[in-house]
């Protein structure tokens, strides 16, 4: 026999998953995410991990972490690794299966027209061998490569994508941060009004079955013609909750840096951004919904007027939409400036809102604003701590959950973090709407008393942009 067979298992339902290299380089913890099932790693996977371990990219770091996991598993096991290595460790008690490594050469069992020496075909050859020599077990190839899965299915082999990194299977179920109250809500839940501490807001104690579905800092509304109701959930426990009315940022008297909200969701966003008790804000929405403009306006007001933050720091993932134009000259900020066109566009809008000072006044204001806005690259964030900063993470849908954790944990005392993006425009390979870091933090932070989220639905750029978004 070319390789030693895995020992017969008493439970035929235990499957054997053959992992492709891209799964491990996408998520090193995938080794421990198959519960009671077994994992098989072909030798070509180990060679590809070795070839990709050098460098400072996310892929290189994941390749090194996978190698460390494998070394720890094998060194802890005293018995022959041909019998399989237990995946259950003190840190991962849920993985009860075994890990098998290819220890001997396997003859090519694929059709002769498949190229020899190619890693993908070598891995498929291993899957074909296990499929033929383990008839009592279900052998499944797990790969992030679509073409790899298509070739496997064309050969009659089972193949699956790696789903354990997904927060949600259906992103339509993602938390929106906004809930429309039914017409009979007040009849079923009562309305015990309590005056606010300074009389600025009104508080309502409510009781009823819908309260179980509410989350802290979730916005609720009810359209009653000329008398709409807008509020945010401040407390929730069982069948009881407390609602607080909002500041109406659609009115010019509440303008933020000359900007007023144009719709309901934009007003909700400004209520989050202007609340000093909210440390973390996530904003989802298609292009033109006002995410960047509202975030910058709130940041400038709280940095320059209220002196709540010392400066604004803006960063984004440098993933090009088209072909890369090569290395860029200059300092870190100069290298990032081509990626920050959205910042300049929105600063032009914010600067035009003040016409009292004339052209010289606007130029001076622009210089003052730019002096308080720092543009930073994600590449140099590790190890930093931001104190009393207003941190804006743009295009956050292109971040992995691990990168998102690295960024958010940079926040020190007095820092507010705003993440915004559109999960329908993901440019990072192997990331999907369900596995994006932005989706991850929206789902994990919902209901925390110091965070808030709003999904913006309505575009406010122009009738041309709105129509293009619908028909194209």
Protein backbone atom coordinates (compact mmCIF):
# COMPACT_ATOMS: atom_id res chain seq x y z
CA UNK A 1 0.00 0.00 0.00
CA UNK A 2 1.38 3.48 -0.87
CA UNK A 3 0.14 4.97 2.39
CA UNK A 4 -1.05 3.51 5.61
CA UNK A 5 -4.81 3.36 5.90
CA UNK A 6 -6.59 5.27 8.60
CA UNK A 7 -7.84 2.89 11.30
CA UNK A 8 -11.45 1.83 10.91
CA UNK A 9 -13.79 4.03 12.87
CA UNK A 10 -16.79 2.66 14.77
CA UNK A 11 -18.93 5.50 13.45
CA UNK A 12 -19.26 5.53 9.66
CA UNK A 13 -20.74 9.05 9.88
CA UNK A 14 -17.30 10.48 10.65
CA UNK A 15 -16.17 12.11 7.40
CA UNK A 16 -12.67 12.62 6.06
CA UNK A 17 -12.02 16.19 4.87
CA UNK A 18 -9.03 16.86 2.61
CA UNK A 19 -8.02 20.52 3.04
CA UNK A 20 -6.65 22.61 0.20
CA UNK A 21 -3.80 25.02 0.98
CA UNK A 22 -5.93 28.13 0.44
CA UNK A 23 -8.26 27.09 3.28
CA UNK A 24 -5.38 27.01 5.76
CA UNK A 25 -3.90 30.26 4.46
CA UNK A 26 -7.34 31.88 4.76
CA UNK A 27 -8.05 30.58 8.28
CA UNK A 28 -5.35 28.66 10.21
CA UNK A 29 -7.91 27.69 12.87
CA UNK A 30 -9.80 25.70 10.22
CA UNK A 31 -7.85 22.69 11.52
CA UNK A 32 -10.05 22.74 14.62
CA UNK A 33 -13.41 23.62 13.03
CA UNK A 34 -14.55 20.20 11.78
CA UNK A 35 -15.81 18.94 15.15
CA UNK A 36 -15.82 15.10 15.27
CA UNK A 37 -14.67 14.65 11.66
CA UNK A 38 -11.14 13.78 10.52
CA UNK A 39 -8.77 15.93 8.43
CA UNK A 40 -6.25 14.80 5.82
CA UNK A 41 -3.39 17.00 4.57
CA UNK A 42 -1.61 16.01 1.33
CA UNK A 43 2.15 16.56 1.14
CA UNK A 44 1.72 19.22 -1.56
CA UNK A 45 -0.27 21.31 0.95
CA UNK A 46 2.69 21.33 3.33
CA UNK A 47 5.02 22.30 0.46
CA UNK A 48 2.74 25.17 -0.58
CA UNK A 49 2.61 26.38 3.03
CA UNK A 50 6.40 26.38 3.07
CA UNK A 51 6.55 28.31 -0.22
CA UNK A 52 4.20 31.01 1.07
CA UNK A 53 5.56 31.46 4.61
CA UNK A 54 7.92 34.36 3.82
CA UNK A 55 6.77 37.96 3.87
CA UNK A 56 4.57 40.28 5.93
CA UNK A 57 1.29 39.72 4.12
CA UNK A 58 -1.78 38.24 5.77
CA UNK A 59 -1.33 35.07 3.68
CA UNK A 60 2.29 34.66 4.86
CA UNK A 61 1.31 35.17 8.50
CA UNK A 62 -1.48 32.60 8.20
CA UNK A 63 0.89 30.11 6.55
CA UNK A 64 3.33 30.48 9.45
CA UNK A 65 0.54 30.15 12.02
CA UNK A 66 -0.72 26.97 10.34
CA UNK A 67 2.79 25.50 10.48
CA UNK A 68 2.99 26.34 14.19
CA UNK A 69 -0.37 24.65 14.81
CA UNK A 70 0.77 21.52 12.96
CA UNK A 71 4.09 21.44 14.80
CA UNK A 72 2.31 21.74 18.14
CA UNK A 73 -0.13 18.95 17.30
CA UNK A 74 2.52 16.54 16.06
CA UNK A 75 5.04 17.22 18.84
CA UNK A 76 2.40 16.59 21.51
CA UNK A 77 1.54 13.17 20.03
CA UNK A 78 3.92 10.40 21.08
CA UNK A 79 2.47 7.65 18.86
CA UNK A 80 3.10 7.10 15.14
CA UNK A 81 1.61 9.97 13.14
CA UNK A 82 0.51 7.48 10.47
CA UNK A 83 -2.24 6.44 12.90
CA UNK A 84 -3.52 10.01 13.04
CA UNK A 85 -2.99 12.83 15.49
CA UNK A 86 -5.70 13.97 17.88
CA UNK A 87 -7.04 17.46 17.09
CA UNK A 88 -8.40 17.94 20.59
CA UNK A 89 -6.27 20.38 22.60
CA UNK A 90 -6.88 22.40 25.75
CA UNK A 91 -7.58 25.47 23.63
CA UNK A 92 -9.85 23.60 21.18
CA UNK A 93 -11.96 21.08 23.06
CA UNK A 94 -14.68 20.94 20.40
CA UNK A 95 -12.45 19.28 17.77
CA UNK A 96 -12.53 15.56 18.57
CA UNK A 97 -11.42 14.20 15.19
CA UNK A 98 -7.96 13.18 14.04
CA UNK A 99 -5.41 14.71 11.66
CA UNK A 100 -3.77 12.51 9.02
CA UNK A 101 -0.69 13.54 7.03
CA UNK A 102 0.37 12.01 3.74
CA UNK A 103 3.59 10.20 4.63
CA UNK A 104 4.28 8.23 1.44
CA UNK A 105 4.09 8.70 -2.31
CA UNK A 106 0.74 8.14 -4.02
CA UNK A 107 0.65 7.02 -7.61
CA UNK A 108 -1.21 9.26 -10.03
CA UNK A 109 -4.83 8.08 -10.23
CA UNK A 110 -6.09 10.94 -12.37
CA UNK A 111 -6.65 10.85 -16.15
CA UNK A 112 -3.39 11.00 -18.13
CA UNK A 113 -4.21 14.39 -19.65
CA UNK A 114 -3.91 16.06 -16.22
CA UNK A 115 -0.57 17.86 -15.91
CA UNK A 116 1.93 16.18 -13.60
CA UNK A 117 3.68 18.27 -10.97
CA UNK A 118 0.88 20.79 -10.59
CA UNK A 119 -0.11 21.19 -6.96
CA UNK A 120 -3.87 21.25 -7.59
CA UNK A 121 -3.73 18.05 -9.63
CA UNK A 122 -1.52 16.37 -7.03
CA UNK A 123 -4.07 17.20 -4.32
CA UNK A 124 -6.89 15.91 -6.54
CA UNK A 125 -4.89 12.71 -7.00
CA UNK A 126 -4.77 12.25 -3.23
CA UNK A 127 -8.53 12.85 -2.97
CA UNK A 128 -9.13 10.30 -5.76
CA UNK A 129 -6.91 7.76 -3.99
CA UNK A 130 -8.73 8.18 -0.66
CA UNK A 131 -12.07 8.00 -2.46
CA UNK A 132 -11.12 4.67 -4.06
CA UNK A 133 -9.39 3.11 -1.05
CA UNK A 134 -11.74 4.31 1.70
CA UNK A 135 -15.11 3.15 0.34
CA UNK A 136 -16.76 3.11 3.78
CA UNK A 137 -15.98 6.77 4.46
CA UNK A 138 -17.20 10.01 2.93
CA UNK A 139 -14.14 11.81 1.51
CA UNK A 140 -14.67 15.52 0.80
CA UNK A 141 -12.28 18.09 -0.67
CA UNK A 142 -12.52 21.52 1.01
CA UNK A 143 -11.18 24.39 -1.10
CA UNK A 144 -11.69 28.14 -1.54
CA UNK A 145 -10.71 27.74 -5.21
CA UNK A 146 -13.86 27.55 -7.37
CA UNK A 147 -12.09 25.93 -10.33
CA UNK A 148 -10.55 23.34 -8.03
CA UNK A 149 -14.01 22.38 -6.77
CA UNK A 150 -15.36 22.22 -10.34
CA UNK A 151 -12.54 19.87 -11.42
CA UNK A 152 -13.14 17.67 -8.39
CA UNK A 153 -16.85 17.36 -9.13
CA UNK A 154 -16.10 16.65 -12.78
CA UNK A 155 -14.04 13.67 -11.57
CA UNK A 156 -16.93 12.43 -9.43
CA UNK A 157 -15.45 13.65 -6.13
CA UNK A 158 -17.22 15.52 -3.36
CA UNK A 159 -16.03 19.13 -2.96
CA UNK A 160 -17.16 21.98 -0.73
CA UNK A 161 -16.30 25.58 -0.01
CA UNK A 162 -15.06 26.47 3.47
CA UNK A 163 -18.08 27.88 5.30
CA UNK A 164 -16.95 28.01 8.94
CA UNK A 165 -15.52 31.50 8.49
CA UNK A 166 -18.93 32.92 7.61
CA UNK A 167 -20.80 34.90 10.24
CA UNK A 168 -24.10 34.47 8.39
CA UNK A 169 -25.15 32.20 5.55
CA UNK A 170 -27.60 34.84 4.32
CA UNK A 171 -26.51 38.45 4.64
CA UNK A 172 -30.16 39.51 4.30
CA UNK A 173 -30.41 38.44 7.95
CA UNK A 174 -27.60 40.79 9.00
CA UNK A 175 -28.49 43.21 11.78
CA UNK A 176 -29.57 46.56 10.33
CA UNK A 177 -29.75 48.55 13.56
CA UNK A 178 -33.22 49.86 12.63
CA UNK A 179 -36.67 48.40 13.34
CA UNK A 180 -40.07 49.66 12.20
CA UNK A 181 -42.68 49.33 14.94
CA UNK A 182 -46.01 47.73 13.97
CA UNK A 183 -49.12 49.98 13.93
CA UNK A 184 -50.58 48.34 17.07
CA UNK A 185 -47.32 48.51 19.02
CA UNK A 186 -48.50 51.00 21.65
CA UNK A 187 -51.74 49.09 22.25
CA UNK A 188 -49.81 45.94 23.12
CA UNK A 189 -46.84 47.46 24.95
CA UNK A 190 -48.22 50.49 26.81
CA UNK A 191 -46.62 53.91 26.95
CA UNK A 192 -45.34 55.03 30.36
CA UNK A 193 -43.78 58.44 29.66
CA UNK A 194 -40.93 59.73 31.80
CA UNK A 195 -39.32 63.14 31.37
CA UNK A 196 -35.66 63.32 30.46
CA UNK A 197 -33.05 64.66 32.94
CA UNK A 198 -32.66 68.00 31.17
CA UNK A 199 -35.91 67.89 29.29
CA UNK A 200 -34.08 67.42 25.97
CA UNK A 201 -35.40 63.92 25.40
CA UNK A 202 -38.40 61.89 26.46
CA UNK A 203 -38.08 58.40 27.87
CA UNK A 204 -40.69 55.64 27.53
CA UNK A 205 -40.92 52.48 29.64
CA UNK A 206 -42.54 49.74 27.57
CA UNK A 207 -43.54 46.15 28.30
CA UNK A 208 -44.55 43.42 25.91
CA UNK A 209 -43.42 40.48 23.75
CA UNK A 210 -41.61 42.60 21.13
CA UNK A 211 -39.17 43.84 23.78
CA UNK A 212 -37.39 40.48 23.67
CA UNK A 213 -36.31 41.19 20.09
CA UNK A 214 -34.97 44.68 20.82
CA UNK A 215 -31.26 45.40 21.31
CA UNK A 216 -29.55 48.25 23.14
CA UNK A 217 -28.80 51.20 20.80
CA UNK A 218 -31.19 49.85 18.17
CA UNK A 219 -33.31 52.53 16.50
CA UNK A 220 -37.08 52.16 16.29
CA UNK A 221 -39.52 54.27 14.34
CA UNK A 222 -43.16 54.58 13.43
CA UNK A 223 -44.41 56.68 10.54
CA UNK A 224 -47.66 58.37 11.61
CA UNK A 225 -48.14 60.90 8.87
CA UNK A 226 -47.29 64.34 10.23
CA UNK A 227 -46.39 62.95 13.68
CA UNK A 228 -43.64 60.31 13.22
CA UNK A 229 -41.98 58.63 16.20
CA UNK A 230 -38.20 58.06 16.29
CA UNK A 231 -36.40 56.60 19.31
CA UNK A 232 -33.44 54.49 20.39
CA UNK A 233 -33.42 51.58 22.83
CA UNK A 234 -31.41 52.53 25.93
CA UNK A 235 -32.22 49.54 28.15
CA UNK A 236 -33.58 46.05 27.52
CA UNK A 237 -34.31 43.18 29.86
CA UNK A 238 -36.73 40.36 29.13
CA UNK A 239 -40.15 41.76 28.29
CA UNK A 240 -39.27 45.32 29.30
CA UNK A 241 -37.31 48.05 27.55
CA UNK A 242 -36.74 51.79 27.69
CA UNK A 243 -36.88 54.06 24.65
CA UNK A 244 -35.41 57.56 24.32
CA UNK A 245 -36.44 60.06 21.68
CA UNK A 246 -33.79 61.32 19.29
CA UNK A 247 -32.29 64.63 18.27
CA UNK A 248 -33.76 65.66 14.92
CA UNK A 249 -30.72 66.25 12.71
CA UNK A 250 -32.90 66.87 9.66
CA UNK A 251 -33.67 70.33 11.13
CA UNK A 252 -31.25 73.15 10.26
CA UNK A 253 -30.93 74.22 13.91
CA UNK A 254 -29.17 70.91 14.63
CA UNK A 255 -26.83 71.08 11.62
CA UNK A 256 -23.44 69.40 12.08
CA UNK A 257 -20.66 71.43 10.43
CA UNK A 258 -23.29 72.87 8.10
CA UNK A 259 -24.68 69.43 7.20
CA UNK A 260 -28.24 68.31 7.93
CA UNK A 261 -29.57 64.78 7.57
CA UNK A 262 -31.56 64.20 4.39
CA UNK A 263 -33.43 61.10 5.51
CA UNK A 264 -34.38 59.04 8.53
CA UNK A 265 -31.31 56.76 8.54
CA UNK A 266 -28.90 59.68 8.23
CA UNK A 267 -30.46 61.23 11.31
CA UNK A 268 -29.99 57.92 13.14
CA UNK A 269 -26.32 57.89 12.08
CA UNK A 270 -25.68 61.40 13.42
CA UNK A 271 -27.31 60.44 16.72
CA UNK A 272 -24.72 57.67 17.04
CA UNK A 273 -21.76 59.71 15.85
CA UNK A 274 -22.52 62.66 18.12
CA UNK A 275 -23.10 60.51 21.21
CA UNK A 276 -19.89 60.54 23.35
CA UNK A 277 -21.00 57.33 25.11
CA UNK A 278 -20.79 55.39 21.85
CA UNK A 279 -17.23 54.18 21.27
CA UNK A 280 -17.77 52.03 18.19
CA UNK A 281 -19.99 52.76 15.18
CA UNK A 282 -20.49 50.62 12.06
CA UNK A 283 -22.14 51.97 8.93
CA UNK A 284 -23.26 49.90 5.96
CA UNK A 285 -24.69 51.22 2.73
CA UNK A 286 -24.19 51.49 -0.98
CA UNK A 287 -22.24 54.31 -2.61
CA UNK A 288 -23.81 57.72 -2.18
CA UNK A 289 -25.72 57.11 1.06
CA UNK A 290 -23.59 59.68 2.93
CA UNK A 291 -21.45 57.45 5.15
CA UNK A 292 -18.17 59.35 4.70
CA UNK A 293 -19.73 62.83 4.66
CA UNK A 294 -21.67 62.32 7.89
CA UNK A 295 -18.71 60.68 9.62
CA UNK A 296 -16.35 63.51 8.68
CA UNK A 297 -18.85 66.23 9.63
CA UNK A 298 -19.38 64.68 13.08
CA UNK A 299 -15.63 64.19 13.50
CA UNK A 300 -14.81 67.81 12.64
CA UNK A 301 -17.50 69.16 14.95
CA UNK A 302 -16.30 67.08 17.91
CA UNK A 303 -12.60 67.67 17.18
CA UNK A 304 -12.48 71.38 16.30
CA UNK A 305 -15.57 72.74 18.10
CA UNK A 306 -16.22 70.48 21.09
CA UNK A 307 -12.51 69.55 21.60
CA UNK A 308 -13.61 66.00 22.43
CA UNK A 309 -10.90 64.39 20.28
CA UNK A 310 -7.40 65.61 19.53
CA UNK A 311 -7.39 64.67 15.84
CA UNK A 312 -9.06 62.59 13.14
CA UNK A 313 -7.24 59.54 11.79
CA UNK A 314 -8.47 58.05 8.54
CA UNK A 315 -7.33 54.76 7.00
CA UNK A 316 -8.53 52.27 4.42
CA UNK A 317 -7.52 49.06 2.71
CA UNK A 318 -5.38 49.74 -0.37
CA UNK A 319 -7.03 47.28 -2.74
CA UNK A 320 -7.17 48.67 -6.31
CA UNK A 321 -10.33 48.30 -8.39
CA UNK A 322 -8.39 47.98 -11.68
CA UNK A 323 -4.76 47.28 -12.49
CA UNK A 324 -2.18 48.35 -9.94
CA UNK A 325 -0.17 51.42 -10.97
CA UNK A 326 2.97 50.32 -9.15
CA UNK A 327 4.84 51.84 -6.23
CA UNK A 328 3.97 55.39 -5.21
CA UNK A 329 6.59 57.98 -4.19
CA UNK A 330 6.67 60.13 -1.08
CA UNK A 331 5.91 59.80 2.62
CA UNK A 332 3.30 57.51 4.15
CA UNK A 333 0.61 60.20 3.85
CA UNK A 334 1.61 61.03 0.28
CA UNK A 335 1.47 57.36 -0.68
CA UNK A 336 -2.02 57.09 0.83
CA UNK A 337 -3.37 60.28 -0.75
CA UNK A 338 -4.39 58.64 -4.08
CA UNK A 339 -6.57 56.25 -2.09
CA UNK A 340 -8.21 59.11 -0.22
CA UNK A 341 -10.08 60.79 -3.06
CA UNK A 342 -13.30 60.34 -1.10
CA UNK A 343 -11.79 62.37 1.75
CA UNK A 344 -10.97 65.32 -0.52
CA UNK A 345 -14.38 65.19 -2.21
CA UNK A 346 -16.20 65.32 1.11
CA UNK A 347 -13.94 68.04 2.51
CA UNK A 348 -14.86 70.18 -0.50
CA UNK A 349 -18.54 69.77 0.40
CA UNK A 350 -17.97 70.50 4.09
CA UNK A 351 -15.82 73.54 3.36
CA UNK A 352 -18.41 75.07 1.04
CA UNK A 353 -21.01 75.04 3.80
CA UNK A 354 -19.39 78.13 5.33
CA UNK A 355 -19.54 81.08 2.91
CA UNK A 356 -19.14 83.88 5.47
CA UNK A 357 -15.35 84.05 5.28
CA UNK A 358 -15.10 84.23 1.51
CA UNK A 359 -12.40 82.54 -0.54
CA UNK A 360 -9.56 83.35 1.88
CA UNK A 361 -11.61 82.12 4.81
CA UNK A 362 -12.40 78.85 3.09
CA UNK A 363 -8.73 78.32 2.23
CA UNK A 364 -7.70 78.95 5.85
CA UNK A 365 -10.44 76.65 7.10
CA UNK A 366 -9.34 73.92 4.71
CA UNK A 367 -5.72 74.17 5.90
CA UNK A 368 -6.91 74.01 9.52
CA UNK A 369 -9.05 70.97 8.78
CA UNK A 370 -6.29 69.11 6.95
CA UNK A 371 -3.88 69.82 9.81
CA UNK A 372 -6.20 67.91 12.15
CA UNK A 373 -6.78 64.96 9.80
CA UNK A 374 -4.06 62.33 9.57
CA UNK A 375 -4.03 59.67 6.86
CA UNK A 376 -2.46 56.40 7.99
CA UNK A 377 -1.72 53.10 6.30
CA UNK A 378 -3.04 49.83 7.71
CA UNK A 379 0.42 48.30 7.24
CA UNK A 380 1.82 50.17 10.25
CA UNK A 381 -1.06 49.85 12.72
CA UNK A 382 0.23 46.87 14.70
CA UNK A 383 1.53 47.88 18.12
CA UNK A 384 0.04 51.39 18.07
CA UNK A 385 -2.36 52.84 20.64
CA UNK A 386 -4.60 55.80 19.79
CA UNK A 387 -5.55 58.14 22.65
CA UNK A 388 -8.47 60.57 22.28
CA UNK A 389 -8.62 60.03 18.53
CA UNK A 390 -11.50 59.86 16.08
CA UNK A 391 -10.53 56.82 13.99
CA UNK A 392 -12.28 56.29 10.64
CA UNK A 393 -11.82 52.95 8.84
CA UNK A 394 -13.09 53.33 5.28
CA UNK A 395 -13.80 50.45 2.86
CA UNK A 396 -13.86 48.12 5.88
CA UNK A 397 -15.61 45.39 3.88
CA UNK A 398 -12.19 44.44 2.46
CA UNK A 399 -10.80 43.58 5.90
CA UNK A 400 -10.69 40.06 7.29
CA UNK A 401 -12.04 39.45 10.82
CA UNK A 402 -8.45 39.13 12.08
CA UNK A 403 -7.41 42.44 10.52
CA UNK A 404 -10.52 44.09 11.95
CA UNK A 405 -9.63 42.84 15.43
CA UNK A 406 -6.08 44.19 15.02
CA UNK A 407 -7.41 47.65 14.13
CA UNK A 408 -10.16 47.96 16.73
CA UNK A 409 -7.87 46.86 19.56
CA UNK A 410 -5.63 49.86 18.77
CA UNK A 411 -8.23 52.11 20.43
CA UNK A 412 -7.11 53.63 23.72
CA UNK A 413 -9.08 55.72 26.26
CA UNK A 414 -11.27 58.43 24.74
CA UNK A 415 -11.05 57.06 21.17
CA UNK A 416 -14.06 56.57 18.91
CA UNK A 417 -13.85 54.08 16.03
CA UNK A 418 -16.11 54.34 12.97
CA UNK A 419 -16.10 51.47 10.44
CA UNK A 420 -17.95 51.93 7.17
CA UNK A 421 -18.27 50.13 3.89
CA UNK A 422 -20.44 48.32 1.40
CA UNK A 423 -20.34 44.51 1.60
CA UNK A 424 -21.58 44.32 -2.00
CA UNK A 425 -18.22 45.77 -3.16
CA UNK A 426 -15.60 43.36 -1.80
CA UNK A 427 -12.29 43.35 -3.68
CA UNK A 428 -10.21 41.08 -1.40
CA UNK A 429 -9.74 37.49 -2.69
CA UNK A 430 -11.54 34.74 -0.74
CA UNK A 431 -13.65 37.25 1.21
CA UNK A 432 -17.41 37.15 0.74
CA UNK A 433 -20.32 39.11 2.15
CA UNK A 434 -20.74 36.49 4.87
CA UNK A 435 -17.06 36.29 5.88
CA UNK A 436 -16.06 39.98 5.64
CA UNK A 437 -14.60 41.55 8.76
CA UNK A 438 -17.27 44.28 8.56
CA UNK A 439 -20.05 41.69 8.69
CA UNK A 440 -18.20 40.03 11.55
CA UNK A 441 -18.06 43.11 13.78
CA UNK A 442 -21.65 44.16 12.98
CA UNK A 443 -22.88 40.80 14.22
CA UNK A 444 -20.56 40.54 17.24
CA UNK A 445 -21.04 44.08 18.56
CA UNK A 446 -24.83 44.28 18.26
CA UNK A 447 -26.49 44.97 21.58
CA UNK A 448 -23.37 46.30 23.34
CA UNK A 449 -24.23 49.50 25.21
CA UNK A 450 -21.25 51.43 23.78
CA UNK A 451 -21.67 50.51 20.12
CA UNK A 452 -24.23 51.17 17.41
CA UNK A 453 -24.96 50.24 13.82
CA UNK A 454 -27.08 51.62 10.98
CA UNK A 455 -27.60 50.26 7.48
CA UNK A 456 -28.25 53.19 5.16
CA UNK A 457 -30.75 52.40 2.41
CA UNK A 458 -31.29 55.56 0.43
CA UNK A 459 -28.71 57.17 -1.83
CA UNK A 460 -28.42 60.97 -1.74
CA UNK A 461 -25.93 61.74 -4.51
CA UNK A 462 -28.10 62.56 -7.52
CA UNK A 463 -31.01 61.22 -9.52
CA UNK A 464 -28.49 59.94 -12.07
CA UNK A 465 -26.56 57.95 -9.43
CA UNK A 466 -29.77 56.59 -7.90
CA UNK A 467 -31.10 55.46 -11.27
CA UNK A 468 -27.74 53.90 -12.22
CA UNK A 469 -27.71 51.96 -8.94
CA UNK A 470 -31.13 50.53 -9.76
CA UNK A 471 -30.82 49.64 -13.45
CA UNK A 472 -27.12 48.82 -13.93
